Amino acid sequence: MRSSSAAGTAGGGGGFAAASADFKFAAAVAGFGLLLQDSPFKGSTSYDDVVVWAEAGLAEATVRAPDPVNSDRPDFIRLIRLVRGGSNG
């Protein structure tokens, strides 16, 4: 589930980099779940990858009009960092 190989859009070009903020954030949530379960399907996904994806989803979503759903995204990023063992955030 690396960002360079993840399918970003159905039928569209550009891959993960061209994906919407919501897609990137959803990928972070899914990746985090796979890591927590130590799933064999996590591939080479790391907590660092998940943070990068979630932050991309947060940054791009913040540019749009404020949305109450997006207000939980910073808390999710802090949770990932907590689980990862990072103290910043």
N, C-alpha and C. Protein backbone atom coordinates (compact mmCIF):
# COMPACT_ATOMS: atom_id res chain seq x y z
N MET A 1 0.82 -1.19 0.00
CA MET A 1 0.00 0.00 0.00
C MET A 1 0.86 1.25 0.00
N ARG A 2 1.88 1.26 -0.76
CA ARG A 2 2.75 2.43 -0.87
C ARG A 2 2.06 3.47 -1.74
N SER A 3 2.33 4.74 -1.47
CA SER A 3 1.64 5.80 -2.19
C SER A 3 1.95 5.78 -3.68
N SER A 4 3.11 5.30 -4.07
CA SER A 4 3.46 5.30 -5.48
C SER A 4 2.75 4.20 -6.25
N SER A 5 2.26 3.18 -5.58
CA SER A 5 1.63 2.08 -6.29
C SER A 5 0.15 1.94 -5.98
N ALA A 6 -0.36 2.72 -5.06
CA ALA A 6 -1.78 2.62 -4.71
C ALA A 6 -2.62 3.21 -5.83
N ALA A 7 -3.71 2.57 -6.13
CA ALA A 7 -4.61 3.08 -7.17
C ALA A 7 -5.34 4.28 -6.61
N GLY A 8 -5.18 5.43 -7.24
CA GLY A 8 -5.75 6.65 -6.71
C GLY A 8 -7.16 6.94 -7.14
N THR A 9 -7.46 6.69 -8.40
CA THR A 9 -8.79 7.01 -8.89
C THR A 9 -9.24 5.90 -9.82
N ALA A 10 -10.51 5.62 -9.81
CA ALA A 10 -11.05 4.59 -10.67
C ALA A 10 -11.05 5.08 -12.11
N GLY A 11 -10.26 4.46 -12.94
CA GLY A 11 -10.24 4.80 -14.35
C GLY A 11 -9.48 6.07 -14.68
N GLY A 12 -9.04 6.81 -13.71
CA GLY A 12 -8.34 8.05 -13.98
C GLY A 12 -6.85 7.87 -13.92
N GLY A 13 -6.12 8.80 -14.48
CA GLY A 13 -4.67 8.74 -14.44
C GLY A 13 -4.14 9.49 -13.24
N GLY A 14 -2.87 9.42 -13.04
CA GLY A 14 -2.23 10.19 -11.99
C GLY A 14 -1.97 9.42 -10.72
N GLY A 15 -2.62 8.31 -10.52
CA GLY A 15 -2.36 7.48 -9.35
C GLY A 15 -2.72 8.17 -8.04
N PHE A 16 -2.02 7.76 -7.02
CA PHE A 16 -2.34 8.22 -5.66
C PHE A 16 -2.16 9.73 -5.51
N ALA A 17 -1.15 10.30 -6.14
CA ALA A 17 -0.90 11.74 -6.02
C ALA A 17 -2.08 12.57 -6.52
N ALA A 18 -2.82 12.03 -7.49
CA ALA A 18 -3.95 12.76 -8.05
C ALA A 18 -5.26 12.45 -7.34
N ALA A 19 -5.22 11.57 -6.36
CA ALA A 19 -6.44 11.18 -5.64
C ALA A 19 -6.97 12.33 -4.80
N SER A 20 -8.24 12.25 -4.49
CA SER A 20 -8.86 13.28 -3.66
C SER A 20 -8.33 13.21 -2.22
N ALA A 21 -8.54 14.29 -1.49
CA ALA A 21 -8.15 14.33 -0.08
C ALA A 21 -8.87 13.25 0.70
N ASP A 22 -10.13 13.04 0.39
CA ASP A 22 -10.90 12.02 1.11
C ASP A 22 -10.35 10.62 0.83
N PHE A 23 -9.95 10.37 -0.41
CA PHE A 23 -9.38 9.06 -0.75
C PHE A 23 -8.07 8.84 0.01
N LYS A 24 -7.23 9.86 0.03
CA LYS A 24 -5.95 9.74 0.74
C LYS A 24 -6.17 9.49 2.23
N PHE A 25 -7.13 10.19 2.80
CA PHE A 25 -7.40 9.99 4.22
C PHE A 25 -7.97 8.61 4.47
N ALA A 26 -8.85 8.15 3.58
CA ALA A 26 -9.42 6.80 3.72
C ALA A 26 -8.32 5.75 3.61
N ALA A 27 -7.35 5.96 2.72
CA ALA A 27 -6.22 5.04 2.60
C ALA A 27 -5.42 5.00 3.90
N ALA A 28 -5.28 6.17 4.54
CA ALA A 28 -4.57 6.22 5.82
C ALA A 28 -5.31 5.44 6.89
N VAL A 29 -6.62 5.58 6.92
CA VAL A 29 -7.43 4.85 7.92
C VAL A 29 -7.30 3.35 7.68
N ALA A 30 -7.42 2.93 6.43
CA ALA A 30 -7.30 1.51 6.10
C ALA A 30 -5.91 0.98 6.43
N GLY A 31 -4.89 1.74 6.05
CA GLY A 31 -3.52 1.32 6.34
C GLY A 31 -3.25 1.21 7.83
N PHE A 32 -3.78 2.15 8.59
CA PHE A 32 -3.61 2.11 10.04
C PHE A 32 -4.25 0.85 10.62
N GLY A 33 -5.43 0.52 10.14
CA GLY A 33 -6.10 -0.69 10.60
C GLY A 33 -5.29 -1.94 10.28
N LEU A 34 -4.73 -2.00 9.10
CA LEU A 34 -3.90 -3.15 8.71
C LEU A 34 -2.67 -3.26 9.60
N LEU A 35 -2.07 -2.11 9.91
CA LEU A 35 -0.89 -2.11 10.78
C LEU A 35 -1.24 -2.56 12.19
N LEU A 36 -2.36 -2.07 12.70
CA LEU A 36 -2.77 -2.44 14.06
C LEU A 36 -3.00 -3.94 14.19
N GLN A 37 -3.50 -4.53 13.13
CA GLN A 37 -3.77 -5.97 13.15
C GLN A 37 -2.56 -6.79 12.72
N ASP A 38 -1.50 -6.12 12.33
CA ASP A 38 -0.32 -6.78 11.77
C ASP A 38 -0.75 -7.71 10.63
N SER A 39 -1.63 -7.20 9.79
CA SER A 39 -2.17 -7.97 8.68
C SER A 39 -1.11 -8.29 7.65
N PRO A 40 -1.16 -9.48 7.07
CA PRO A 40 -0.23 -9.79 5.99
C PRO A 40 -0.50 -8.95 4.74
N PHE A 41 -1.67 -8.32 4.67
CA PHE A 41 -2.03 -7.49 3.53
C PHE A 41 -1.47 -6.07 3.62
N LYS A 42 -0.79 -5.77 4.73
CA LYS A 42 -0.23 -4.42 4.89
C LYS A 42 0.94 -4.19 3.95
N GLY A 43 1.53 -5.26 3.46
CA GLY A 43 2.68 -5.12 2.57
C GLY A 43 3.79 -4.37 3.25
N SER A 44 4.31 -3.36 2.57
CA SER A 44 5.41 -2.58 3.14
C SER A 44 4.93 -1.28 3.78
N THR A 45 3.63 -1.16 3.98
CA THR A 45 3.06 0.05 4.60
C THR A 45 3.63 0.22 6.01
N SER A 46 3.99 1.46 6.32
CA SER A 46 4.53 1.78 7.65
C SER A 46 3.67 2.86 8.29
N TYR A 47 3.89 3.06 9.58
CA TYR A 47 3.19 4.15 10.27
C TYR A 47 3.57 5.50 9.66
N ASP A 48 4.80 5.63 9.21
CA ASP A 48 5.22 6.88 8.56
C ASP A 48 4.41 7.12 7.29
N ASP A 49 4.19 6.06 6.50
CA ASP A 49 3.36 6.19 5.29
C ASP A 49 1.96 6.66 5.66
N VAL A 50 1.39 6.05 6.67
CA VAL A 50 0.02 6.37 7.08
C VAL A 50 -0.09 7.82 7.53
N VAL A 51 0.91 8.30 8.26
CA VAL A 51 0.90 9.71 8.68
C VAL A 51 0.96 10.63 7.46
N VAL A 52 1.83 10.31 6.52
CA VAL A 52 1.96 11.14 5.30
C VAL A 52 0.62 11.18 4.55
N TRP A 53 -0.02 10.02 4.40
CA TRP A 53 -1.30 9.98 3.69
C TRP A 53 -2.37 10.77 4.43
N ALA A 54 -2.43 10.61 5.73
CA ALA A 54 -3.44 11.32 6.53
C ALA A 54 -3.20 12.83 6.49
N GLU A 55 -1.94 13.23 6.58
CA GLU A 55 -1.62 14.65 6.52
C GLU A 55 -1.97 15.23 5.15
N ALA A 56 -1.74 14.47 4.09
CA ALA A 56 -2.12 14.93 2.75
C ALA A 56 -3.64 15.09 2.67
N GLY A 57 -4.36 14.15 3.23
CA GLY A 57 -5.81 14.25 3.25
C GLY A 57 -6.30 15.40 4.08
N LEU A 58 -5.61 15.71 5.15
CA LEU A 58 -5.97 16.84 6.00
C LEU A 58 -5.66 18.16 5.30
N ALA A 59 -4.47 18.28 4.76
CA ALA A 59 -4.05 19.54 4.14
C ALA A 59 -4.94 19.90 2.97
N GLU A 60 -5.23 18.93 2.13
CA GLU A 60 -6.06 19.20 0.96
C GLU A 60 -7.51 19.47 1.36
N ALA A 61 -7.99 18.79 2.39
CA ALA A 61 -9.37 19.00 2.83
C ALA A 61 -9.52 20.36 3.50
N THR A 62 -8.46 20.84 4.14
CA THR A 62 -8.50 22.12 4.84
C THR A 62 -8.64 23.28 3.85
N VAL A 63 -8.13 23.08 2.64
CA VAL A 63 -8.21 24.12 1.62
C VAL A 63 -9.66 24.34 1.20
N ARG A 64 -10.45 23.26 1.23
CA ARG A 64 -11.87 23.37 0.90
C ARG A 64 -12.60 24.12 2.01
N ALA A 65 -13.86 24.33 1.79
CA ALA A 65 -14.69 24.97 2.82
C ALA A 65 -14.64 24.13 4.09
N PRO A 66 -14.66 24.77 5.24
CA PRO A 66 -14.64 24.03 6.50
C PRO A 66 -15.77 22.99 6.55
N ASP A 67 -15.42 21.82 7.00
CA ASP A 67 -16.36 20.71 7.04
C ASP A 67 -16.24 20.04 8.40
N PRO A 68 -17.34 19.87 9.12
CA PRO A 68 -17.26 19.26 10.45
C PRO A 68 -16.62 17.87 10.45
N VAL A 69 -16.78 17.13 9.35
CA VAL A 69 -16.18 15.80 9.27
C VAL A 69 -14.66 15.90 9.34
N ASN A 70 -14.09 16.92 8.73
CA ASN A 70 -12.64 17.07 8.70
C ASN A 70 -12.06 17.46 10.05
N SER A 71 -12.90 17.85 11.01
CA SER A 71 -12.38 18.28 12.30
C SER A 71 -11.79 17.12 13.10
N ASP A 72 -12.14 15.89 12.75
CA ASP A 72 -11.58 14.72 13.44
C ASP A 72 -10.25 14.28 12.87
N ARG A 73 -9.89 14.77 11.73
CA ARG A 73 -8.67 14.32 11.07
C ARG A 73 -7.40 14.63 11.86
N PRO A 74 -7.27 15.81 12.45
CA PRO A 74 -6.06 16.05 13.27
C PRO A 74 -5.96 15.10 14.45
N ASP A 75 -7.10 14.75 15.04
CA ASP A 75 -7.08 13.80 16.16
C ASP A 75 -6.62 12.43 15.70
N PHE A 76 -7.03 12.03 14.51
CA PHE A 76 -6.60 10.74 13.97
C PHE A 76 -5.09 10.73 13.74
N ILE A 77 -4.56 11.82 13.23
CA ILE A 77 -3.11 11.91 12.99
C ILE A 77 -2.36 11.83 14.32
N ARG A 78 -2.88 12.49 15.35
CA ARG A 78 -2.25 12.40 16.68
C ARG A 78 -2.30 10.96 17.20
N LEU A 79 -3.39 10.26 16.95
CA LEU A 79 -3.51 8.87 17.37
C LEU A 79 -2.47 7.99 16.68
N ILE A 80 -2.30 8.18 15.38
CA ILE A 80 -1.29 7.41 14.65
C ILE A 80 0.09 7.65 15.27
N ARG A 81 0.41 8.90 15.51
CA ARG A 81 1.72 9.24 16.08
C ARG A 81 1.88 8.64 17.48
N LEU A 82 0.82 8.63 18.25
CA LEU A 82 0.86 8.05 19.58
C LEU A 82 1.17 6.55 19.51
N VAL A 83 0.46 5.87 18.63
CA VAL A 83 0.67 4.44 18.47
C VAL A 83 2.07 4.16 17.92
N ARG A 84 2.49 4.97 16.99
CA ARG A 84 3.82 4.81 16.39
C ARG A 84 4.91 5.05 17.41
N GLY A 85 4.62 5.81 18.44
CA GLY A 85 5.60 6.09 19.46
C GLY A 85 6.19 7.49 19.34
N GLY A 86 5.65 8.26 18.39
CA GLY A 86 6.13 9.63 18.24
C GLY A 86 5.55 10.50 19.33
N SER A 87 6.30 11.47 19.79
CA SER A 87 5.83 12.35 20.85
C SER A 87 5.38 13.70 20.32
N ASN A 88 5.66 13.98 19.03
CA ASN A 88 5.26 15.27 18.48
C ASN A 88 3.86 15.15 17.89
N GLY A 89 3.11 16.21 17.99
CA GLY A 89 1.83 16.15 17.34
C GLY A 89 0.73 16.66 18.13
